[in-house]
């Protein structure tokens, strides 16, 4: 992706496969995304898109045995590059991240700089080769990186930089049958030229003499290379008019000559342009495209599962039209039956040795200012100064999860307050980064506690303006955010966890810097490194799926 383009999303991934016929039964008249509270596994042998109604951008997916793994770009959030697992392509869980330390990419991604909104870790590719999992990705300022692991849960090897140069995105590796490695990527700063290299034996270096341009068009990126029955496939997307479309070429050799491009799916603005993902064979023997929707809103870029029909050796995505090009499918039969219903976001009881994998810090956290061991069964967050007063976008150690777009959900936390110090703020927040906004704290809101002159007060903030509501004599507080399909949140507080008082109603969740809104926990103290809060538990209830604490 490039920060200057006006096309959101614009990344695709694909894998070639056998020419099979997708199973019938795709619904003919279906409700588009966001207009219904139904989603994912419907519990009746069918599923409805989006299967992940949350910000799972820039997807890629593979199959390894009976398991499916996907990755999603994470931008400035840490740990970076989320890794998901599924057995049926509809029910997914988060199993880890590939980049535990973002400062391996750039010091600008650390808590003491926080200078990469809209940038950081962009689209990547995941592959399984030579008994290991491999992830490659790009960052717009720094170039291309790679890491590998024996298991998708990690541990992942320290990053190695494949290409050190700004202006590149959408890379992918490819290994031929003889083990020879290749690498493809787009130079968006040079007219979106797509380059192909040979890789060195370490799978982390490019051979300069092998570099050549294999394609160029308006916005051409989202590259993947695959081989099927002796034929090589180059997948990419490009911009036609005001929309992004998925294309493919093929050749008898990795070096070409390449055929004319073949469009795989009609551009569909009403479906928010699904265009970035991976083609895999499902457990039912049919083929599917697991993709994000390229246009984002307050919930980010959601993920859908589309059927694939192989027509004359081309993977047509969605339901083929009369012209042989695919169209959007909103509902279909489950690829597998008797699946366990899962969702990759959820609650945490903080009683394990690590945070639940659904959590991501906003930027690389200050490691000495949070702990799961200082008080077992609790998350302790220590306060320290932010980089820009009370601007929540410049506060270190903000712990977040993605917001979800369903018929109704709530994110609730219980905080114990005895460790707070004068000047300290702590609570629950929503935020979206909008770097070009006149107000640097625009699209932020919080509800929580501030301590001043030895007393605690209930407090809210909106767009950087803080308001004390009244004294809070209790040693604990329950905080909750609730929102629905309209993307308008109500923040509420409670002294007993049963009766909640709305304290900040009707806060609009927004889209910004290529990301949807986030919900999470924070504390800071502009008076210095004083005070802490203990978070007892978090419950994240999503429609008919509750992410309860792990007790």
Protein backbone atom coordinates (compact mmCIF):
# COMPACT_ATOMS: atom_id res chain seq x y z
CA UNK A 1 0.00 0.00 0.00
CA UNK A 2 1.12 3.56 -0.48
CA UNK A 3 0.11 6.44 1.77
CA UNK A 4 -0.46 8.74 -1.21
CA UNK A 5 -2.95 6.66 -3.12
CA UNK A 6 -6.66 7.05 -2.63
CA UNK A 7 -7.47 3.41 -3.17
CA UNK A 8 -7.85 1.67 0.18
CA UNK A 9 -6.86 -1.89 0.58
CA UNK A 10 -5.48 -2.82 -2.82
CA UNK A 11 -3.64 -5.95 -1.87
CA UNK A 12 -4.40 -9.48 -3.02
CA UNK A 13 -3.03 -12.96 -2.57
CA UNK A 14 -3.82 -16.15 -4.43
CA UNK A 15 -2.72 -19.74 -4.73
CA UNK A 16 -3.23 -21.84 -7.84
CA UNK A 17 -4.95 -25.19 -7.47
CA UNK A 18 -6.61 -28.04 -9.25
CA UNK A 19 -9.43 -27.39 -11.69
CA UNK A 20 -12.42 -28.41 -9.61
CA UNK A 21 -16.04 -27.37 -9.60
CA UNK A 22 -17.18 -25.44 -6.56
CA UNK A 23 -20.20 -26.83 -4.78
CA UNK A 24 -23.59 -25.33 -5.67
CA UNK A 25 -25.86 -23.51 -3.29
CA UNK A 26 -24.57 -19.94 -3.30
CA UNK A 27 -27.48 -17.69 -2.32
CA UNK A 28 -28.80 -15.59 -5.20
CA UNK A 29 -30.22 -12.66 -3.22
CA UNK A 30 -28.09 -11.75 -0.27
CA UNK A 31 -27.71 -8.83 2.11
CA UNK A 32 -24.47 -6.87 1.72
CA UNK A 33 -21.95 -6.53 4.52
CA UNK A 34 -22.90 -4.39 7.48
CA UNK A 35 -26.65 -4.46 6.84
CA UNK A 36 -27.32 -7.55 8.89
CA UNK A 37 -26.30 -8.77 12.32
CA UNK A 38 -25.73 -12.27 10.94
CA UNK A 39 -22.15 -13.19 10.19
CA UNK A 40 -19.72 -16.08 10.13
CA UNK A 41 -20.81 -19.58 11.14
CA UNK A 42 -24.62 -19.48 11.27
CA UNK A 43 -24.84 -22.81 13.10
CA UNK A 44 -27.06 -24.38 10.42
CA UNK A 45 -24.42 -25.66 8.01
CA UNK A 46 -24.02 -22.31 6.32
CA UNK A 47 -21.95 -19.17 6.81
CA UNK A 48 -22.48 -15.51 6.02
CA UNK A 49 -19.89 -12.97 4.99
CA UNK A 50 -18.04 -11.30 6.44
CA UNK A 51 -16.78 -14.24 8.46
CA UNK A 52 -14.59 -11.86 10.49
CA UNK A 53 -16.43 -8.53 10.87
CA UNK A 54 -13.38 -6.71 12.22
CA UNK A 55 -10.13 -5.15 11.02
CA UNK A 56 -8.27 -8.08 9.45
CA UNK A 57 -6.55 -6.25 6.65
CA UNK A 58 -4.14 -7.47 3.98
CA UNK A 59 -4.81 -11.15 4.48
CA UNK A 60 -2.83 -14.06 3.12
CA UNK A 61 -3.70 -17.70 3.80
CA UNK A 62 -2.23 -21.17 3.34
CA UNK A 63 -3.17 -24.76 4.06
CA UNK A 64 -0.78 -27.11 5.88
CA UNK A 65 -2.30 -30.56 6.28
CA UNK A 66 -5.74 -30.12 7.80
CA UNK A 67 -4.90 -26.71 9.24
CA UNK A 68 -5.28 -23.24 7.76
CA UNK A 69 -3.11 -20.28 8.69
CA UNK A 70 -3.59 -16.64 7.81
CA UNK A 71 -1.71 -13.42 8.50
CA UNK A 72 -2.99 -9.86 8.76
CA UNK A 73 -1.06 -6.60 8.60
CA UNK A 74 -0.69 -4.73 11.89
CA UNK A 75 0.83 -1.33 11.01
CA UNK A 76 2.11 0.28 14.26
CA UNK A 77 0.59 -2.29 16.61
CA UNK A 78 2.81 -4.65 18.60
CA UNK A 79 3.43 -7.53 18.46
CA UNK A 80 3.31 -7.24 14.69
CA UNK A 81 1.72 -9.33 11.94
CA UNK A 82 -1.16 -11.28 13.48
CA UNK A 83 -1.29 -15.03 12.81
CA UNK A 84 -4.66 -16.81 12.72
CA UNK A 85 -5.57 -20.50 12.68
CA UNK A 86 -8.68 -22.34 11.48
CA UNK A 87 -9.85 -25.84 10.63
CA UNK A 88 -12.76 -24.77 8.42
CA UNK A 89 -11.88 -21.30 6.97
CA UNK A 90 -14.82 -19.68 8.81
CA UNK A 91 -14.03 -20.02 12.52
CA UNK A 92 -10.65 -18.44 13.27
CA UNK A 93 -8.56 -17.88 16.38
CA UNK A 94 -5.45 -15.78 16.95
CA UNK A 95 -2.44 -17.98 17.73
CA UNK A 96 0.36 -15.43 17.75
CA UNK A 97 2.35 -12.75 15.97
CA UNK A 98 5.49 -12.89 13.85
CA UNK A 99 7.23 -9.72 15.09
CA UNK A 100 7.49 -9.41 18.89
CA UNK A 101 9.71 -6.31 18.76
CA UNK A 102 8.82 -3.55 16.29
CA UNK A 103 12.09 -1.73 16.91
CA UNK A 104 13.64 -4.40 14.68
CA UNK A 105 11.85 -2.51 11.89
CA UNK A 106 12.42 1.07 13.06
CA UNK A 107 12.95 3.04 16.29
CA UNK A 108 10.05 5.23 15.11
CA UNK A 109 7.74 2.38 16.14
CA UNK A 110 8.84 2.53 19.78
CA UNK A 111 6.84 4.00 22.69
CA UNK A 112 9.21 6.97 22.96
CA UNK A 113 8.60 8.12 19.35
CA UNK A 114 5.24 6.75 18.10
CA UNK A 115 5.77 8.17 14.63
CA UNK A 116 4.35 5.61 12.20
CA UNK A 117 0.55 5.93 12.09
CA UNK A 118 -0.65 4.54 8.76
CA UNK A 119 2.72 2.91 8.20
CA UNK A 120 4.70 0.18 9.95
CA UNK A 121 3.98 -3.42 8.94
CA UNK A 122 1.98 -3.59 5.72
CA UNK A 123 0.87 -6.59 3.67
CA UNK A 124 2.84 -9.80 3.78
CA UNK A 125 2.85 -13.40 2.62
CA UNK A 126 2.98 -16.63 4.62
CA UNK A 127 4.30 -19.87 3.16
CA UNK A 128 5.30 -23.32 4.39
CA UNK A 129 8.59 -24.52 2.88
CA UNK A 130 11.26 -27.02 3.91
CA UNK A 131 9.44 -27.83 7.14
CA UNK A 132 9.22 -24.21 8.32
CA UNK A 133 6.76 -21.34 8.18
CA UNK A 134 8.01 -18.22 6.38
CA UNK A 135 6.59 -14.70 6.55
CA UNK A 136 7.73 -11.84 4.33
CA UNK A 137 6.36 -8.29 4.50
CA UNK A 138 7.09 -4.72 3.56
CA UNK A 139 7.17 -1.37 5.32
CA UNK A 140 6.92 1.79 3.20
CA UNK A 141 9.96 3.56 4.66
CA UNK A 142 12.31 0.69 5.44
CA UNK A 143 11.83 -2.00 2.76
CA UNK A 144 11.26 -5.76 2.94
CA UNK A 145 11.74 -8.11 5.91
CA UNK A 146 11.43 -11.84 6.59
CA UNK A 147 11.25 -14.25 9.50
CA UNK A 148 10.65 -17.98 9.93
CA UNK A 149 9.57 -20.45 12.58
CA UNK A 150 9.08 -24.17 13.06
CA UNK A 151 5.56 -23.54 14.39
CA UNK A 152 3.13 -20.72 13.56
CA UNK A 153 2.79 -19.99 17.29
CA UNK A 154 6.52 -19.25 17.32
CA UNK A 155 9.06 -18.48 18.47
CA UNK A 156 9.84 -16.55 15.29
CA UNK A 157 13.42 -15.84 14.31
CA UNK A 158 14.72 -12.26 14.55
CA UNK A 159 13.86 -10.22 11.48
CA UNK A 160 16.23 -10.14 8.55
CA UNK A 161 16.05 -7.27 6.07
CA UNK A 162 15.62 -8.55 2.53
CA UNK A 163 15.70 -5.14 0.82
CA UNK A 164 16.71 -1.85 2.44
CA UNK A 165 14.96 0.89 0.46
CA UNK A 166 11.81 3.03 0.79
CA UNK A 167 8.90 2.90 -1.63
CA UNK A 168 8.28 -0.85 -1.89
CA UNK A 169 5.26 -2.98 -0.94
CA UNK A 170 3.32 -6.20 -1.51
CA UNK A 171 6.05 -8.82 -1.65
CA UNK A 172 5.92 -12.61 -1.72
CA UNK A 173 8.35 -15.52 -1.93
CA UNK A 174 8.08 -18.50 -4.25
CA UNK A 175 10.04 -21.75 -4.23
CA UNK A 176 10.16 -23.91 -7.34
CA UNK A 177 10.16 -27.68 -7.30
CA UNK A 178 13.96 -27.77 -7.28
CA UNK A 179 14.06 -25.62 -4.13
CA UNK A 180 15.21 -22.49 -5.95
CA UNK A 181 13.72 -19.38 -4.36
CA UNK A 182 12.29 -16.28 -6.04
CA UNK A 183 10.89 -13.03 -4.72
CA UNK A 184 8.38 -10.58 -6.20
CA UNK A 185 7.45 -7.06 -5.08
CA UNK A 186 6.16 -3.67 -6.25
CA UNK A 187 8.12 -0.42 -6.34
CA UNK A 188 5.19 1.94 -5.83
CA UNK A 189 7.52 4.93 -5.78
CA UNK A 190 8.57 4.17 -9.37
CA UNK A 191 5.26 3.86 -11.19
CA UNK A 192 4.20 0.59 -9.56
CA UNK A 193 6.75 -1.52 -11.39
CA UNK A 194 6.68 -5.16 -10.34
CA UNK A 195 10.13 -6.69 -9.88
CA UNK A 196 11.21 -10.33 -9.80
CA UNK A 197 14.46 -11.55 -8.20
CA UNK A 198 16.15 -14.81 -7.48
CA UNK A 199 16.75 -15.37 -3.77
CA UNK A 200 19.95 -16.57 -2.18
CA UNK A 201 20.20 -19.93 -0.49
CA UNK A 202 19.46 -18.32 2.89
CA UNK A 203 16.02 -17.20 1.64
CA UNK A 204 16.77 -13.75 3.06
CA UNK A 205 18.87 -12.11 0.34
CA UNK A 206 18.13 -11.03 -3.22
CA UNK A 207 20.54 -11.58 -6.10
CA UNK A 208 20.94 -8.09 -7.66
CA UNK A 209 21.90 -9.34 -11.12
CA UNK A 210 18.62 -11.28 -11.37
CA UNK A 211 16.40 -8.21 -10.85
CA UNK A 212 13.99 -7.50 -13.70
CA UNK A 213 10.64 -5.78 -14.16
CA UNK A 214 7.90 -8.24 -15.12
CA UNK A 215 4.83 -5.97 -15.14
CA UNK A 216 3.61 -2.41 -14.67
CA UNK A 217 0.16 -0.82 -14.70
CA UNK A 218 -1.82 1.73 -12.73
CA UNK A 219 -1.51 0.72 -9.08
CA UNK A 220 -0.21 -2.77 -9.89
CA UNK A 221 0.69 -4.59 -6.69
CA UNK A 222 -0.62 -7.42 -4.44
CA UNK A 223 1.85 -9.83 -6.01
CA UNK A 224 1.97 -13.58 -5.55
CA UNK A 225 3.73 -16.29 -7.55
CA UNK A 226 2.50 -19.90 -7.68
CA UNK A 227 2.95 -23.03 -9.71
CA UNK A 228 0.18 -25.43 -10.74
CA UNK A 229 0.61 -28.47 -12.94
CA UNK A 230 3.83 -27.11 -14.37
CA UNK A 231 2.39 -23.66 -15.08
CA UNK A 232 3.55 -20.52 -13.27
CA UNK A 233 1.00 -17.96 -12.09
CA UNK A 234 1.53 -14.30 -11.28
CA UNK A 235 -1.32 -12.78 -9.30
CA UNK A 236 -1.67 -9.02 -8.83
CA UNK A 237 -4.27 -6.29 -8.61
CA UNK A 238 -4.50 -3.04 -10.52
CA UNK A 239 -6.70 0.04 -10.65
CA UNK A 240 -9.22 0.40 -13.45
CA UNK A 241 -11.14 3.65 -13.26
CA UNK A 242 -11.85 4.18 -9.57
CA UNK A 243 -11.82 0.54 -8.52
CA UNK A 244 -9.23 -2.14 -7.87
CA UNK A 245 -9.53 -5.46 -9.69
CA UNK A 246 -7.81 -8.81 -9.23
CA UNK A 247 -5.81 -10.05 -12.19
CA UNK A 248 -3.64 -13.02 -13.08
CA UNK A 249 -1.11 -14.02 -15.73
CA UNK A 250 0.51 -17.39 -16.36
CA UNK A 251 3.57 -18.74 -18.13
CA UNK A 252 5.37 -22.00 -18.92
CA UNK A 253 8.48 -20.70 -17.09
CA UNK A 254 9.14 -18.46 -14.12
CA UNK A 255 10.97 -16.25 -16.59
CA UNK A 256 8.00 -16.03 -18.96
CA UNK A 257 6.68 -15.36 -21.49
CA UNK A 258 3.59 -14.35 -19.56
CA UNK A 259 0.10 -14.54 -21.00
CA UNK A 260 -2.27 -11.61 -21.25
CA UNK A 261 -3.83 -10.77 -17.91
CA UNK A 262 -7.11 -12.41 -16.92
CA UNK A 263 -9.60 -10.63 -14.63
CA UNK A 264 -10.76 -12.91 -11.81
CA UNK A 265 -13.61 -10.94 -10.21
CA UNK A 266 -15.70 -7.91 -11.10
CA UNK A 267 -14.84 -4.74 -9.22
CA UNK A 268 -17.61 -4.23 -6.69
CA UNK A 269 -17.73 -0.98 -4.75
CA UNK A 270 -20.99 -2.00 -3.06
CA UNK A 271 -19.17 -5.04 -1.64
CA UNK A 272 -16.28 -2.82 -0.48
CA UNK A 273 -13.92 -4.38 -3.04
CA UNK A 274 -12.72 -7.74 -1.73
CA UNK A 275 -9.20 -8.07 -3.10
CA UNK A 276 -6.48 -9.25 -0.67
CA UNK A 277 -6.14 -12.81 0.51
CA UNK A 278 -5.28 -16.35 -0.48
CA UNK A 279 -6.81 -19.23 -2.38
CA UNK A 280 -6.82 -22.54 -0.55
CA UNK A 281 -8.55 -25.87 -0.94
CA UNK A 282 -11.18 -26.38 1.73
CA UNK A 283 -11.78 -29.50 3.80
CA UNK A 284 -14.71 -30.29 1.47
CA UNK A 285 -12.41 -30.44 -1.57
CA UNK A 286 -13.67 -27.16 -3.00
CA UNK A 287 -11.58 -24.03 -3.37
CA UNK A 288 -11.99 -20.72 -1.55
CA UNK A 289 -10.57 -17.22 -1.46
CA UNK A 290 -10.07 -15.85 2.08
CA UNK A 291 -9.97 -12.10 1.58
CA UNK A 292 -10.32 -8.73 3.19
CA UNK A 293 -12.64 -6.05 1.85
CA UNK A 294 -10.38 -3.35 0.46
CA UNK A 295 -12.50 -0.36 1.45
CA UNK A 296 -12.50 0.35 5.16
CA UNK A 297 -14.92 1.90 7.63
CA UNK A 298 -15.01 2.37 11.42
CA UNK A 299 -14.58 -1.38 11.95
CA UNK A 300 -11.66 -1.57 9.54
CA UNK A 301 -11.38 -3.98 6.63
CA UNK A 302 -13.43 -7.10 7.31
CA UNK A 303 -12.67 -10.61 6.05
CA UNK A 304 -14.86 -12.79 3.84
CA UNK A 305 -14.65 -16.29 2.40
CA UNK A 306 -15.53 -16.56 -1.29
CA UNK A 307 -15.97 -19.68 -3.43
CA UNK A 308 -13.55 -20.24 -6.29
CA UNK A 309 -14.43 -21.86 -9.62
CA UNK A 310 -11.53 -23.07 -11.75
CA UNK A 311 -12.41 -22.24 -15.37
CA UNK A 312 -9.91 -23.21 -18.07
CA UNK A 313 -7.16 -23.19 -15.48
CA UNK A 314 -8.05 -19.74 -14.08
CA UNK A 315 -9.31 -19.32 -10.49
CA UNK A 316 -12.49 -17.28 -10.89
CA UNK A 317 -13.33 -15.75 -7.52
CA UNK A 318 -16.98 -15.64 -6.42
CA UNK A 319 -19.97 -16.68 -8.52
CA UNK A 320 -19.06 -16.55 -12.25
CA UNK A 321 -21.13 -14.12 -14.29
CA UNK A 322 -22.07 -14.75 -17.92
CA UNK A 323 -18.76 -13.23 -18.94
CA UNK A 324 -16.85 -15.75 -16.82
CA UNK A 325 -15.78 -13.15 -14.24
CA UNK A 326 -16.70 -13.65 -10.60
CA UNK A 327 -19.24 -11.71 -8.52
CA UNK A 328 -19.61 -11.27 -4.76
CA UNK A 329 -21.10 -14.11 -2.69
CA UNK A 330 -22.57 -13.25 0.71
CA UNK A 331 -23.77 -16.65 1.95
CA UNK A 332 -22.72 -20.24 1.28
CA UNK A 333 -22.45 -23.75 2.71
CA UNK A 334 -19.82 -24.31 5.40
CA UNK A 335 -16.63 -25.94 4.09
CA UNK A 336 -16.73 -28.30 7.08
CA UNK A 337 -19.39 -29.48 9.51
CA UNK A 338 -19.25 -29.86 13.29
CA UNK A 339 -16.82 -26.98 13.67
CA UNK A 340 -16.07 -25.36 16.99
CA UNK A 341 -17.26 -21.76 16.91
CA UNK A 342 -14.31 -19.43 17.37
CA UNK A 343 -13.46 -15.76 17.01
CA UNK A 344 -9.98 -14.19 17.12
CA UNK A 345 -10.87 -11.42 19.59
CA UNK A 346 -11.83 -12.11 23.20
CA UNK A 347 -11.47 -11.53 26.92
CA UNK A 348 -8.62 -12.22 29.31
CA UNK A 349 -8.38 -13.14 32.99
CA UNK A 350 -4.64 -12.33 33.08
CA UNK A 351 -3.88 -15.52 34.97
CA UNK A 352 -1.45 -16.99 32.46
CA UNK A 353 2.24 -16.29 31.85
CA UNK A 354 1.46 -14.18 28.77
CA UNK A 355 -1.25 -11.93 27.45
CA UNK A 356 -3.94 -13.56 25.33
CA UNK A 357 -2.77 -13.42 21.69
CA UNK A 358 -5.70 -11.19 20.70
CA UNK A 359 -4.03 -8.21 22.42
CA UNK A 360 -1.83 -5.69 20.59
CA UNK A 361 -0.08 -2.66 22.09
CA UNK A 362 -0.28 0.66 20.28
CA UNK A 363 3.41 0.83 19.28
CA UNK A 364 6.18 -1.13 20.95
CA UNK A 365 5.49 -0.97 24.70
CA UNK A 366 7.80 0.04 27.50
CA UNK A 367 8.43 -3.41 28.90
CA UNK A 368 9.29 -2.36 32.45
CA UNK A 369 5.94 -0.61 32.86
CA UNK A 370 3.57 -3.57 32.68
CA UNK A 371 3.51 -6.95 34.40
CA UNK A 372 1.52 -10.15 34.79
CA UNK A 373 3.70 -11.37 37.67
CA UNK A 374 3.70 -8.39 40.06
CA UNK A 375 0.26 -9.52 41.20
CA UNK A 376 -0.66 -12.92 39.77
CA UNK A 377 -4.09 -12.96 38.16
CA UNK A 378 -3.95 -9.26 37.30
CA UNK A 379 -2.43 -7.07 34.61
CA UNK A 380 -0.49 -4.27 36.27
CA UNK A 381 -0.10 -1.09 34.20
CA UNK A 382 2.37 1.47 35.53
CA UNK A 383 1.86 5.12 34.63
CA UNK A 384 4.43 7.33 32.94
CA UNK A 385 4.32 10.53 30.89
CA UNK A 386 2.91 10.66 27.39
CA UNK A 387 4.64 12.39 24.50
CA UNK A 388 1.91 15.02 23.99
CA UNK A 389 0.09 15.76 27.22
CA UNK A 390 -3.19 13.89 27.42
CA UNK A 391 -3.33 13.01 23.72
CA UNK A 392 -4.23 9.32 23.87
CA UNK A 393 -2.55 8.74 20.50
CA UNK A 394 0.79 9.63 22.11
CA UNK A 395 0.43 7.60 25.32
CA UNK A 396 2.73 4.61 25.69
CA UNK A 397 1.58 1.13 26.72
CA UNK A 398 -1.99 1.39 25.44
CA UNK A 399 -3.25 -2.20 25.20
CA UNK A 400 -5.83 -2.75 22.45
CA UNK A 401 -8.07 -5.09 20.54
CA UNK A 402 -9.94 -4.68 17.27
CA UNK A 403 -13.52 -3.46 17.39
CA UNK A 404 -16.11 -5.80 15.90
CA UNK A 405 -19.09 -4.90 13.71
CA UNK A 406 -22.08 -7.07 14.62
CA UNK A 407 -25.57 -6.58 15.99
CA UNK A 408 -24.16 -5.73 19.40
CA UNK A 409 -21.00 -6.12 21.42
CA UNK A 410 -19.43 -4.88 24.62
CA UNK A 411 -15.90 -4.60 25.97
CA UNK A 412 -15.75 -4.42 29.78
CA UNK A 413 -12.91 -4.29 32.29
CA UNK A 414 -12.57 -4.18 36.08
CA UNK A 415 -9.76 -1.96 37.40
CA UNK A 416 -8.47 -1.88 40.98
CA UNK A 417 -7.35 1.62 41.94
CA UNK A 418 -5.48 1.44 45.25
CA UNK A 419 -2.11 1.91 43.56
CA UNK A 420 -3.00 5.16 41.81
CA UNK A 421 -0.97 8.34 42.43
CA UNK A 422 -1.70 12.04 42.04
CA UNK A 423 -1.75 13.11 38.42
CA UNK A 424 -2.50 9.62 37.14
CA UNK A 425 -5.26 8.86 34.62
CA UNK A 426 -6.45 5.31 33.89
CA UNK A 427 -9.35 3.69 32.12
CA UNK A 428 -10.89 2.36 28.94
CA UNK A 429 -10.54 4.09 25.58
CA UNK A 430 -11.42 4.13 21.90
CA UNK A 431 -9.15 5.69 19.31
CA UNK A 432 -8.51 6.08 15.62
CA UNK A 433 -5.42 7.83 14.30
CA UNK A 434 -6.14 10.70 11.93
CA UNK A 435 -2.72 12.26 11.29
CA UNK A 436 -4.08 15.02 9.04
CA UNK A 437 -6.79 16.19 11.43
CA UNK A 438 -6.52 19.72 12.77
CA UNK A 439 -6.94 18.33 16.29
CA UNK A 440 -4.13 15.80 16.92
CA UNK A 441 -6.34 13.99 19.45
CA UNK A 442 -9.39 13.77 17.17
CA UNK A 443 -11.40 10.52 17.24
CA UNK A 444 -10.28 9.57 20.75
CA UNK A 445 -12.49 8.99 23.79
CA UNK A 446 -12.07 7.53 27.25
CA UNK A 447 -13.83 6.83 30.52
CA UNK A 448 -11.96 6.20 33.73
CA UNK A 449 -10.41 7.66 36.85
CA UNK A 450 -8.06 10.57 37.52
CA UNK A 451 -6.37 11.10 40.88
CA UNK A 452 -5.71 14.62 42.17
CA UNK A 453 -4.86 15.91 45.64
CA UNK A 454 -5.23 12.45 47.09
CA UNK A 455 -8.77 11.93 45.75
CA UNK A 456 -10.06 9.88 42.84
CA UNK A 457 -12.55 11.29 40.35
CA UNK A 458 -14.65 9.74 37.61
CA UNK A 459 -13.45 11.26 34.35
CA UNK A 460 -14.20 11.20 30.63
CA UNK A 461 -12.34 12.57 27.64
CA UNK A 462 -13.35 13.25 24.06
CA UNK A 463 -11.02 14.43 21.29
CA UNK A 464 -8.39 15.34 23.88
CA UNK A 465 -10.62 17.34 26.25
CA UNK A 466 -10.88 15.87 29.77
CA UNK A 467 -13.87 16.40 32.07
CA UNK A 468 -14.13 15.42 35.74
CA UNK A 469 -17.62 14.19 36.58
CA UNK A 470 -17.59 13.57 40.35
CA UNK A 471 -15.54 12.03 43.17
CA UNK A 472 -15.12 8.25 43.05
CA UNK A 473 -14.87 6.85 46.61
CA UNK A 474 -14.53 3.20 45.57
CA UNK A 475 -11.32 1.17 45.29
CA UNK A 476 -12.39 -0.43 42.01
CA UNK A 477 -14.33 0.49 38.89
CA UNK A 478 -15.98 -1.43 36.10
CA UNK A 479 -15.78 0.27 32.71
CA UNK A 480 -17.65 -0.76 29.59
CA UNK A 481 -18.02 0.26 25.97
CA UNK A 482 -21.03 -0.95 23.99
CA UNK A 483 -21.73 -0.41 20.29
CA UNK A 484 -23.72 -1.90 17.42
CA UNK A 485 -23.95 -1.83 13.64
CA UNK A 486 -24.12 1.96 13.63
CA UNK A 487 -20.62 2.27 15.07
CA UNK A 488 -21.65 4.59 17.88
CA UNK A 489 -20.27 3.69 21.29
CA UNK A 490 -21.60 4.34 24.77
CA UNK A 491 -18.97 4.37 27.51
CA UNK A 492 -20.31 3.50 30.96
CA UNK A 493 -19.04 3.09 34.52
CA UNK A 494 -20.14 0.97 37.47
CA UNK A 495 -19.19 0.53 41.11
CA UNK A 496 -20.46 -3.06 41.33
CA UNK A 497 -20.31 -4.48 37.80
CA UNK A 498 -24.09 -4.75 37.65
CA UNK A 499 -25.56 -1.26 37.35
CA UNK A 500 -23.76 0.75 34.65
CA UNK A 501 -24.17 4.49 34.23
CA UNK A 502 -23.62 5.92 30.73
CA UNK A 503 -20.97 8.62 31.06
CA UNK A 504 -20.07 9.26 27.42
CA UNK A 505 -22.87 8.30 25.02
CA UNK A 506 -22.99 8.35 21.23
CA UNK A 507 -19.28 8.48 20.47
CA UNK A 508 -18.76 7.81 16.74
CA UNK A 509 -16.13 5.21 15.94
CA UNK A 510 -14.16 6.19 12.85
CA UNK A 511 -11.72 5.05 10.17
CA UNK A 512 -8.28 6.58 9.82
CA UNK A 513 -4.69 5.84 8.76
CA UNK A 514 -5.85 2.64 7.03
CA UNK A 515 -7.24 1.26 10.31
CA UNK A 516 -10.58 0.88 12.03
CA UNK A 517 -11.23 2.03 15.58
CA UNK A 518 -9.57 0.28 18.52
CA UNK A 519 -10.79 -0.38 22.05
CA UNK A 520 -8.44 -0.88 24.97
CA UNK A 521 -6.88 0.05 28.31
CA UNK A 522 -4.55 2.89 29.28
CA UNK A 523 -2.86 4.78 32.06
CA UNK A 524 -0.52 7.77 32.11
CA UNK A 525 0.77 10.43 34.49
CA UNK A 526 2.16 13.71 33.20
CA UNK A 527 3.57 14.40 36.68
CA UNK A 528 6.07 11.56 36.29
CA UNK A 529 6.45 7.83 36.71
CA UNK A 530 4.05 7.44 39.60
CA UNK A 531 1.16 5.07 40.23
CA UNK A 532 -0.33 1.94 38.74
CA UNK A 533 -3.65 0.17 38.23
CA UNK A 534 -4.39 -3.55 38.39
CA UNK A 535 -6.74 -4.86 35.71
CA UNK A 536 -8.64 -7.80 37.15
CA UNK A 537 -10.25 -9.07 33.96
CA UNK A 538 -11.62 -8.13 30.56
CA UNK A 539 -14.77 -9.56 28.99
CA UNK A 540 -15.38 -9.03 25.28
CA UNK A 541 -18.91 -10.11 24.31
CA UNK A 542 -19.39 -10.26 20.54
CA UNK A 543 -22.95 -10.76 19.29
CA UNK A 544 -23.68 -14.37 20.25
CA UNK A 545 -20.05 -15.15 21.14
CA UNK A 546 -18.61 -14.08 24.47
CA UNK A 547 -14.91 -13.71 25.02
CA UNK A 548 -14.96 -14.33 28.76
CA UNK A 549 -11.91 -14.16 31.02
CA UNK A 550 -9.72 -17.27 30.97
CA UNK A 551 -10.31 -18.40 34.57
